[in-house]
Amino acid sequence: MFKKIATAAALLVASSAAFAAQPNTFYAGADVGKTRADDFSERDTSVGAFVGYNFHENFAVEGGYRRLADYDIYVGTIGSGFADGKAKIDQAHLSLVGSLPLGQNFSLYGRLGVNRLEAKVSSAGYSVKDATTKALYGVGMRYAFTPAVSARLEVQKPTSDATNLSAGVSFQF
């Protein structure tokens, strides 16, 4: 059974023409997702925007900004309705993105790059900021509705103790 499925998948990939990214084009988009950090028990909503340049049909350079998390910090009882402080984590990133067309309109991609993470914690009128630069990697899949509009789903590791899962849309121009 596995051999039949593998053969069918190979024929599908070989016979279909994917909407590959056109070289020497720009793209931009936005995404929304969830971030899970080891130091926090809950996931938080992330929002981001990105721009990129396709210098080859399978390779692009991409930069972006994402608010990874915006946590309430409770010193007393969790869920008491009183937040003692806030923690915000922002990410600015620059990556090389390589994509592999797998079929009609569908492709997988991976990213390797660097990101600057900035955390700001504030409570009782005081705030502390800290920033660090870390390696960034991620994998995702893309579905092209048209040659200019694509949806994407991606998992990123901005740091060893945080994971971001996001879904977004990109527009090629």
C-alpha atoms as a PDB file:
ATOM      1  CA  MET A   1       0.000   0.000   0.000  1.00  0.00           C
ATOM      2  CA  PHE A   2       2.818   2.398   0.930  1.00  0.00           C
ATOM      3  CA  LYS A   3       4.527   1.804  -2.438  1.00  0.00           C
ATOM      4  CA  LYS A   4       1.315   2.690  -4.301  1.00  0.00           C
ATOM      5  CA  ILE A   5       0.900   5.914  -2.339  1.00  0.00           C
ATOM      6  CA  ALA A   6       4.570   6.851  -2.842  1.00  0.00           C
ATOM      7  CA  THR A   7       4.327   6.151  -6.580  1.00  0.00           C
ATOM      8  CA  ALA A   8       1.144   8.204  -6.932  1.00  0.00           C
ATOM      9  CA  ALA A   9       2.694  11.087  -5.004  1.00  0.00           C
ATOM     10  CA  ALA A  10       5.840  10.993  -7.161  1.00  0.00           C
ATOM     11  CA  LEU A  11       3.762  11.042 -10.360  1.00  0.00           C
ATOM     12  CA  LEU A  12       1.662  13.928  -9.057  1.00  0.00           C
ATOM     13  CA  VAL A  13       4.752  15.968  -8.226  1.00  0.00           C
ATOM     14  CA  ALA A  14       6.414  15.174 -11.552  1.00  0.00           C
ATOM     15  CA  SER A  15       3.343  15.936 -13.656  1.00  0.00           C
ATOM     16  CA  SER A  16       2.087  19.147 -12.106  1.00  0.00           C
ATOM     17  CA  ALA A  17       3.329  22.655 -12.568  1.00  0.00           C
ATOM     18  CA  ALA A  18       3.282  24.686  -9.383  1.00  0.00           C
ATOM     19  CA  PHE A  19       2.899  28.424  -9.153  1.00  0.00           C
ATOM     20  CA  ALA A  20       6.564  29.039  -8.451  1.00  0.00           C
ATOM     21  CA  ALA A  21       7.664  32.421  -7.254  1.00  0.00           C
ATOM     22  CA  GLN A  22       8.802  34.548 -10.153  1.00  0.00           C
ATOM     23  CA  PRO A  23      12.434  35.642  -9.825  1.00  0.00           C
ATOM     24  CA  ASN A  24      13.206  39.336  -9.320  1.00  0.00           C
ATOM     25  CA  THR A  25       9.850  40.083  -7.693  1.00  0.00           C
ATOM     26  CA  PHE A  26       8.884  41.475  -4.325  1.00  0.00           C
ATOM     27  CA  TYR A  27       6.207  40.209  -1.964  1.00  0.00           C
ATOM     28  CA  ALA A  28       4.605  41.421   1.250  1.00  0.00           C
ATOM     29  CA  GLY A  29       2.123  39.990   3.693  1.00  0.00           C
ATOM     30  CA  ALA A  30       0.787  39.624   7.194  1.00  0.00           C
ATOM     31  CA  ASP A  31       0.157  36.755   9.581  1.00  0.00           C
ATOM     32  CA  VAL A  32      -1.508  35.910  12.856  1.00  0.00           C
ATOM     33  CA  GLY A  33      -0.696  33.036  15.154  1.00  0.00           C
ATOM     34  CA  LYS A  34       0.075  31.709  18.606  1.00  0.00           C
ATOM     35  CA  THR A  35       3.319  31.830  20.574  1.00  0.00           C
ATOM     36  CA  ARG A  36       4.237  29.326  23.249  1.00  0.00           C
ATOM     37  CA  ALA A  37       7.048  30.333  25.613  1.00  0.00           C
ATOM     38  CA  ASP A  38       8.412  27.907  28.207  1.00  0.00           C
ATOM     39  CA  ASP A  39       8.274  30.488  31.019  1.00  0.00           C
ATOM     40  CA  PHE A  40       4.538  31.074  30.546  1.00  0.00           C
ATOM     41  CA  SER A  41       1.803  28.485  30.911  1.00  0.00           C
ATOM     42  CA  GLU A  42      -0.484  29.944  28.255  1.00  0.00           C
ATOM     43  CA  ARG A  43      -0.176  30.640  24.550  1.00  0.00           C
ATOM     44  CA  ASP A  44      -0.571  34.190  23.347  1.00  0.00           C
ATOM     45  CA  THR A  45      -1.683  35.665  20.045  1.00  0.00           C
ATOM     46  CA  SER A  46       1.026  36.922  17.703  1.00  0.00           C
ATOM     47  CA  VAL A  47       0.667  39.321  14.775  1.00  0.00           C
ATOM     48  CA  GLY A  48       3.262  40.149  12.170  1.00  0.00           C
ATOM     49  CA  ALA A  49       4.105  41.661   8.818  1.00  0.00           C
ATOM     50  CA  PHE A  50       6.834  40.734   6.342  1.00  0.00           C
ATOM     51  CA  VAL A  51       8.399  41.774   3.035  1.00  0.00           C
ATOM     52  CA  GLY A  52      10.606  39.726   0.771  1.00  0.00           C
ATOM     53  CA  TYR A  53      12.472  39.608  -2.500  1.00  0.00           C
ATOM     54  CA  ASN A  54      12.546  36.502  -4.745  1.00  0.00           C
ATOM     55  CA  PHE A  55      16.034  36.512  -6.260  1.00  0.00           C
ATOM     56  CA  HIS A  56      15.474  32.973  -7.659  1.00  0.00           C
ATOM     57  CA  GLU A  57      12.294  30.935  -8.206  1.00  0.00           C
ATOM     58  CA  ASN A  58      13.209  28.792  -5.155  1.00  0.00           C
ATOM     59  CA  PHE A  59      15.006  31.345  -2.945  1.00  0.00           C
ATOM     60  CA  ALA A  60      14.086  34.639  -1.325  1.00  0.00           C
ATOM     61  CA  VAL A  61      15.357  36.966   1.342  1.00  0.00           C
ATOM     62  CA  GLU A  62      12.691  38.050   3.824  1.00  0.00           C
ATOM     63  CA  GLY A  63      12.492  40.553   6.659  1.00  0.00           C
ATOM     64  CA  GLY A  64       9.699  41.186   9.089  1.00  0.00           C
ATOM     65  CA  TYR A  65       8.380  42.291  12.435  1.00  0.00           C
ATOM     66  CA  ARG A  66       6.150  40.332  14.790  1.00  0.00           C
ATOM     67  CA  ARG A  67       4.620  40.940  18.196  1.00  0.00           C
ATOM     68  CA  LEU A  68       5.254  37.455  19.557  1.00  0.00           C
ATOM     69  CA  ALA A  69       3.387  37.879  22.830  1.00  0.00           C
ATOM     70  CA  ASP A  70       1.704  40.332  25.147  1.00  0.00           C
ATOM     71  CA  TYR A  71       1.319  38.576  28.507  1.00  0.00           C
ATOM     72  CA  ASP A  72      -0.352  39.754  31.696  1.00  0.00           C
ATOM     73  CA  ILE A  73       1.740  39.013  34.764  1.00  0.00           C
ATOM     74  CA  TYR A  74      -0.036  38.079  37.986  1.00  0.00           C
ATOM     75  CA  VAL A  75       1.781  38.168  41.306  1.00  0.00           C
ATOM     76  CA  GLY A  76      -1.279  37.183  43.326  1.00  0.00           C
ATOM     77  CA  THR A  77      -3.847  34.599  42.354  1.00  0.00           C
ATOM     78  CA  ILE A  78      -4.009  33.824  38.630  1.00  0.00           C
ATOM     79  CA  GLY A  79      -7.406  34.641  37.246  1.00  0.00           C
ATOM     80  CA  SER A  80      -8.216  37.102  40.014  1.00  0.00           C
ATOM     81  CA  GLY A  81      -8.854  39.694  37.326  1.00  0.00           C
ATOM     82  CA  PHE A  82      -6.003  41.892  38.528  1.00  0.00           C
ATOM     83  CA  ALA A  83      -2.880  42.011  36.393  1.00  0.00           C
ATOM     84  CA  ASP A  84       0.170  43.228  38.284  1.00  0.00           C
ATOM     85  CA  GLY A  85       2.190  43.819  35.135  1.00  0.00           C
ATOM     86  CA  LYS A  86       2.704  43.215  31.445  1.00  0.00           C
ATOM     87  CA  ALA A  87       5.361  41.451  29.392  1.00  0.00           C
ATOM     88  CA  LYS A  88       5.700  42.197  25.666  1.00  0.00           C
ATOM     89  CA  ILE A  89       7.986  40.271  23.339  1.00  0.00           C
ATOM     90  CA  ASP A  90       8.756  41.643  19.864  1.00  0.00           C
ATOM     91  CA  GLN A  91      10.742  40.071  17.022  1.00  0.00           C
ATOM     92  CA  ALA A  92      12.497  41.669  14.052  1.00  0.00           C
ATOM     93  CA  HIS A  93      13.945  39.118  11.633  1.00  0.00           C
ATOM     94  CA  LEU A  94      15.930  38.666   8.445  1.00  0.00           C
ATOM     95  CA  SER A  95      15.988  35.235   6.775  1.00  0.00           C
ATOM     96  CA  LEU A  96      16.923  33.272   3.704  1.00  0.00           C
ATOM     97  CA  VAL A  97      13.833  31.325   2.588  1.00  0.00           C
ATOM     98  CA  GLY A  98      14.129  28.284   0.331  1.00  0.00           C
ATOM     99  CA  SER A  99      11.051  26.698  -1.211  1.00  0.00           C
ATOM    100  CA  LEU A 100      10.361  23.346  -2.836  1.00  0.00           C
ATOM    101  CA  PRO A 101       7.322  23.071  -5.170  1.00  0.00           C
ATOM    102  CA  LEU A 102       5.424  19.837  -4.472  1.00  0.00           C
ATOM    103  CA  GLY A 103       2.459  20.017  -6.777  1.00  0.00           C
ATOM    104  CA  GLN A 104      -0.099  22.244  -8.365  1.00  0.00           C
ATOM    105  CA  ASN A 105      -0.051  25.463  -6.318  1.00  0.00           C
ATOM    106  CA  PHE A 106       1.523  23.800  -3.250  1.00  0.00           C
ATOM    107  CA  SER A 107       5.070  24.131  -1.878  1.00  0.00           C
ATOM    108  CA  LEU A 108       7.080  23.568   1.283  1.00  0.00           C
ATOM    109  CA  TYR A 109       9.611  26.085   2.514  1.00  0.00           C
ATOM    110  CA  GLY A 110      12.238  26.478   5.164  1.00  0.00           C
ATOM    111  CA  ARG A 111      13.897  29.511   6.635  1.00  0.00           C
ATOM    112  CA  LEU A 112      17.229  30.167   8.268  1.00  0.00           C
ATOM    113  CA  GLY A 113      18.147  33.563   9.572  1.00  0.00           C
ATOM    114  CA  VAL A 114      18.679  35.864  12.493  1.00  0.00           C
ATOM    115  CA  ASN A 115      16.179  37.646  14.698  1.00  0.00           C
ATOM    116  CA  ARG A 116      16.359  40.387  17.279  1.00  0.00           C
ATOM    117  CA  LEU A 117      14.100  39.742  20.243  1.00  0.00           C
ATOM    118  CA  GLU A 118      13.122  42.539  22.588  1.00  0.00           C
ATOM    119  CA  ALA A 119      11.267  41.912  25.839  1.00  0.00           C
ATOM    120  CA  LYS A 120       9.718  44.696  27.885  1.00  0.00           C
ATOM    121  CA  VAL A 121       8.283  44.046  31.332  1.00  0.00           C
ATOM    122  CA  SER A 122       6.381  46.775  33.146  1.00  0.00           C
ATOM    123  CA  SER A 123       4.708  46.874  36.540  1.00  0.00           C
ATOM    124  CA  ALA A 124       3.672  49.585  39.009  1.00  0.00           C
ATOM    125  CA  GLY A 125       5.020  52.400  36.824  1.00  0.00           C
ATOM    126  CA  TYR A 126       8.429  50.775  36.271  1.00  0.00           C
ATOM    127  CA  SER A 127       9.643  49.032  33.164  1.00  0.00           C
ATOM    128  CA  VAL A 128      12.658  46.975  32.164  1.00  0.00           C
ATOM    129  CA  LYS A 129      13.767  46.216  28.613  1.00  0.00           C
ATOM    130  CA  ASP A 130      16.140  43.536  27.389  1.00  0.00           C
ATOM    131  CA  ALA A 131      17.138  42.532  23.872  1.00  0.00           C
ATOM    132  CA  THR A 132      19.050  39.652  22.374  1.00  0.00           C
ATOM    133  CA  THR A 133      20.000  38.420  18.918  1.00  0.00           C
ATOM    134  CA  LYS A 134      19.421  34.732  18.152  1.00  0.00           C
ATOM    135  CA  ALA A 135      19.364  32.342  15.217  1.00  0.00           C
ATOM    136  CA  LEU A 136      15.950  31.810  13.654  1.00  0.00           C
ATOM    137  CA  TYR A 137      14.697  28.750  11.820  1.00  0.00           C
ATOM    138  CA  GLY A 138      11.328  27.559  10.656  1.00  0.00           C
ATOM    139  CA  VAL A 139       9.396  25.378   8.233  1.00  0.00           C
ATOM    140  CA  GLY A 140       6.141  26.003   6.480  1.00  0.00           C
ATOM    141  CA  MET A 141       3.837  25.261   3.596  1.00  0.00           C
ATOM    142  CA  ARG A 142       2.407  27.602   1.017  1.00  0.00           C
ATOM    143  CA  TYR A 143      -0.650  27.354  -1.220  1.00  0.00           C
ATOM    144  CA  ALA A 144      -0.881  29.719  -4.211  1.00  0.00           C
ATOM    145  CA  PHE A 145      -4.460  30.737  -5.010  1.00  0.00           C
ATOM    146  CA  THR A 146      -3.148  32.738  -7.977  1.00  0.00           C
ATOM    147  CA  PRO A 147       0.390  33.587  -9.117  1.00  0.00           C
ATOM    148  CA  ALA A 148       0.109  36.771  -6.994  1.00  0.00           C
ATOM    149  CA  VAL A 149      -1.775  35.625  -3.844  1.00  0.00           C
ATOM    150  CA  SER A 150      -0.643  32.854  -1.490  1.00  0.00           C
ATOM    151  CA  ALA A 151      -1.622  31.531   1.926  1.00  0.00           C
ATOM    152  CA  ARG A 152       1.006  30.129   4.241  1.00  0.00           C
ATOM    153  CA  LEU A 153       1.256  28.179   7.477  1.00  0.00           C
ATOM    154  CA  GLU A 154       4.558  28.201   9.372  1.00  0.00           C
ATOM    155  CA  VAL A 155       6.226  27.041  12.572  1.00  0.00           C
ATOM    156  CA  GLN A 156       9.163  29.181  13.729  1.00  0.00           C
ATOM    157  CA  LYS A 157      11.669  28.821  16.563  1.00  0.00           C
ATOM    158  CA  PRO A 158      12.712  32.405  17.367  1.00  0.00           C
ATOM    159  CA  THR A 159      14.563  31.148  20.450  1.00  0.00           C
ATOM    160  CA  SER A 160      15.192  27.774  22.056  1.00  0.00           C
ATOM    161  CA  ASP A 161      12.395  28.252  24.620  1.00  0.00           C
ATOM    162  CA  ALA A 162       9.701  29.705  22.331  1.00  0.00           C
ATOM    163  CA  THR A 163       7.716  28.418  19.344  1.00  0.00           C
ATOM    164  CA  ASN A 164       5.419  30.389  17.055  1.00  0.00           C
ATOM    165  CA  LEU A 165       2.750  28.880  14.797  1.00  0.00           C
ATOM    166  CA  SER A 166       1.284  31.371  12.330  1.00  0.00           C
ATOM    167  CA  ALA A 167      -1.013  31.528   9.326  1.00  0.00           C
ATOM    168  CA  GLY A 168      -0.789  34.356   6.842  1.00  0.00           C
ATOM    169  CA  VAL A 169      -1.303  35.678   3.360  1.00  0.00           C
ATOM    170  CA  SER A 170       1.273  37.124   0.966  1.00  0.00           C
ATOM    171  CA  PHE A 171       0.950  39.222  -2.165  1.00  0.00           C
ATOM    172  CA  GLN A 172       3.586  39.072  -4.903  1.00  0.00           C
ATOM    173  CA  PHE A 173       4.142  42.151  -7.065  1.00  0.00           C
END
